[in-house]
Amino acid sequence: MASKREQILTKIVSNLAGTTGVGDRIYRNRIEPMTREESPSLVVEFLTDDPTTNSATYQKLDWKLRVRVVVIVRSSTPDTTGDATVESLHTKMVSDPTLGGLSIDVRPSTVSFDVFEADQPAGVITCDYEVDYRSSYNDLST
């Protein structure tokens, strides 16, 4: 069975289906460059996953998972063009804070923006979220 972290990331990808403008262009850990036709698109990845021992019972770990959802857009005004996608993904991220029972809470963290020269200007909007969840001390899948 997959770790609880991977189960959470899979659920986030599933929950992001139907995000404004992206269609089925939602990826996990994509490293290939995006073509103009693949824009806008989303990439879901995790940044950190920090455990603490649950003091109520030493059989559990409380985790703070930092997740990044990257919005990639092509436009002469990429921050404006990407805004509807960011708004839609945010609503999807916080509408189910338990992620179908896998987590305790989902909170927005940091949003940042970068623009890159390409055949058409490309914007990368990173939306970070913190996901609290709990696992067994000796089994990361439960």
Protein backbone atom coordinates (compact mmCIF):
# COMPACT_ATOMS: atom_id res chain seq x y z
CA MET A 1 0.00 0.00 0.00
CA ALA A 2 1.18 3.55 -0.67
CA SER A 3 2.26 5.85 2.15
CA LYS A 4 -0.37 8.16 3.58
CA ARG A 5 1.55 11.08 2.02
CA GLU A 6 1.21 9.54 -1.45
CA GLN A 7 -2.47 8.75 -0.81
CA ILE A 8 -3.00 12.43 0.09
CA LEU A 9 -1.19 13.66 -3.03
CA THR A 10 -3.23 11.30 -5.21
CA LYS A 11 -6.44 12.59 -3.60
CA ILE A 12 -5.37 16.20 -4.22
CA VAL A 13 -4.79 15.44 -7.91
CA SER A 14 -8.23 13.82 -8.04
CA ASN A 15 -9.88 16.77 -6.27
CA LEU A 16 -8.29 19.23 -8.71
CA ALA A 17 -10.11 17.65 -11.68
CA GLY A 18 -12.24 20.30 -13.35
CA THR A 19 -10.03 23.22 -12.30
CA THR A 20 -10.79 26.21 -14.51
CA GLY A 21 -8.85 26.13 -17.77
CA VAL A 22 -6.69 23.04 -17.21
CA GLY A 23 -8.87 20.18 -18.45
CA ASP A 24 -7.00 16.95 -17.75
CA ARG A 25 -3.56 18.64 -17.67
CA ILE A 26 -2.88 17.85 -14.01
CA TYR A 27 0.45 16.15 -13.36
CA ARG A 28 2.44 14.68 -10.49
CA ASN A 29 6.17 15.47 -10.57
CA ARG A 30 6.32 16.36 -14.25
CA ILE A 31 9.86 17.18 -15.32
CA GLU A 32 9.35 17.50 -19.08
CA PRO A 33 8.92 21.04 -20.44
CA MET A 34 5.35 22.13 -21.13
CA THR A 35 4.41 22.97 -24.68
CA ARG A 36 2.30 26.02 -25.42
CA GLU A 37 -0.67 23.75 -26.15
CA GLU A 38 -0.40 22.17 -22.67
CA SER A 39 -1.02 25.50 -21.00
CA PRO A 40 -2.53 26.19 -18.59
CA SER A 41 -1.65 23.13 -16.57
CA LEU A 42 -1.08 22.09 -12.96
CA VAL A 43 1.76 20.17 -11.34
CA VAL A 44 1.27 18.76 -7.83
CA GLU A 45 4.35 18.00 -5.74
CA PHE A 46 5.32 17.84 -2.11
CA LEU A 47 8.03 20.04 -0.60
CA THR A 48 8.44 18.79 2.97
CA ASP A 49 6.80 16.35 5.34
CA ASP A 50 7.65 17.00 9.00
CA PRO A 51 6.68 14.56 11.77
CA THR A 52 6.16 15.08 15.48
CA THR A 53 5.34 12.35 17.98
CA ASN A 54 1.73 12.54 19.13
CA SER A 55 1.95 13.07 22.91
CA ALA A 56 -1.49 11.51 23.51
CA THR A 57 -0.25 8.17 22.23
CA TYR A 58 3.27 7.36 21.16
CA GLN A 59 1.85 4.97 18.57
CA LYS A 60 1.01 7.86 16.19
CA LEU A 61 2.92 10.55 14.31
CA ASP A 62 1.42 13.94 13.50
CA TRP A 63 2.67 15.24 10.15
CA LYS A 64 2.76 18.67 8.51
CA LEU A 65 2.96 18.11 4.76
CA ARG A 66 3.76 21.11 2.57
CA VAL A 67 2.24 20.65 -0.89
CA ARG A 68 2.90 22.84 -3.92
CA VAL A 69 0.43 23.21 -6.77
CA VAL A 70 2.15 24.90 -9.70
CA VAL A 71 0.07 26.71 -12.31
CA ILE A 72 1.83 27.10 -15.65
CA VAL A 73 0.31 29.57 -18.12
CA ARG A 74 1.35 31.18 -21.41
CA SER A 75 0.21 34.71 -22.09
CA SER A 76 1.48 38.26 -22.46
CA THR A 77 -0.07 38.83 -19.01
CA PRO A 78 0.44 35.45 -17.30
CA ASP A 79 -0.43 36.58 -13.76
CA THR A 80 -3.80 37.92 -14.94
CA THR A 81 -4.42 34.96 -17.23
CA GLY A 82 -3.66 32.47 -14.44
CA ASP A 83 -5.88 34.15 -11.86
CA ALA A 84 -9.06 32.21 -12.68
CA THR A 85 -7.12 28.93 -12.48
CA VAL A 86 -5.58 29.91 -9.12
CA GLU A 87 -8.98 30.90 -7.75
CA SER A 88 -10.52 27.62 -8.89
CA LEU A 89 -7.70 25.42 -7.53
CA HIS A 90 -7.80 27.24 -4.19
CA THR A 91 -11.52 26.57 -3.82
CA LYS A 92 -10.93 22.88 -4.61
CA MET A 93 -8.00 22.63 -2.16
CA VAL A 94 -9.85 24.06 0.85
CA SER A 95 -13.35 22.67 0.14
CA ASP A 96 -12.44 19.20 1.42
CA PRO A 97 -10.05 19.80 4.37
CA THR A 98 -10.07 16.12 5.36
CA LEU A 99 -9.30 14.96 1.81
CA GLY A 100 -11.85 12.19 2.09
CA GLY A 101 -10.72 11.25 5.62
CA LEU A 102 -6.97 11.16 4.90
CA SER A 103 -6.08 14.45 6.60
CA ILE A 104 -6.97 16.60 9.56
CA ASP A 105 -6.78 20.00 7.84
CA VAL A 106 -5.65 21.82 4.68
CA ARG A 107 -4.46 25.43 4.93
CA PRO A 108 -3.19 27.87 2.30
CA SER A 109 0.38 29.00 2.82
CA THR A 110 2.39 30.96 0.24
CA VAL A 111 1.62 32.05 -3.32
CA SER A 112 4.44 33.28 -5.54
CA PHE A 113 4.82 34.25 -9.18
CA ASP A 114 7.62 34.04 -11.74
CA VAL A 115 7.62 34.96 -15.40
CA PHE A 116 9.93 33.48 -18.04
CA GLU A 117 10.74 34.39 -21.61
CA ALA A 118 9.63 31.77 -24.09
CA ASP A 119 8.08 31.74 -27.57
CA GLN A 120 5.20 33.33 -25.64
CA PRO A 121 5.78 34.61 -22.08
CA ALA A 122 5.28 31.85 -19.50
CA GLY A 123 4.07 32.40 -15.99
CA VAL A 124 4.58 30.03 -13.08
CA ILE A 125 2.31 30.62 -10.11
CA THR A 126 3.16 28.44 -7.11
CA CYS A 127 0.45 27.87 -4.54
CA ASP A 128 1.68 26.19 -1.35
CA TYR A 129 -0.60 24.47 1.15
CA GLU A 130 -0.03 22.79 4.50
CA VAL A 131 -1.77 19.50 5.12
CA ASP A 132 -1.97 18.09 8.65
CA TYR A 133 -2.39 14.34 8.89
CA ARG A 134 -1.66 11.46 11.23
CA SER A 135 -0.04 8.07 10.62
CA SER A 136 0.90 5.07 12.68
CA TYR A 137 4.36 5.30 14.19
CA ASN A 138 5.55 2.07 12.60
CA ASP A 139 3.45 2.03 9.39
CA LEU A 140 3.41 5.08 7.10
CA SER A 141 0.50 3.69 5.09
CA THR A 142 -2.01 3.90 7.97
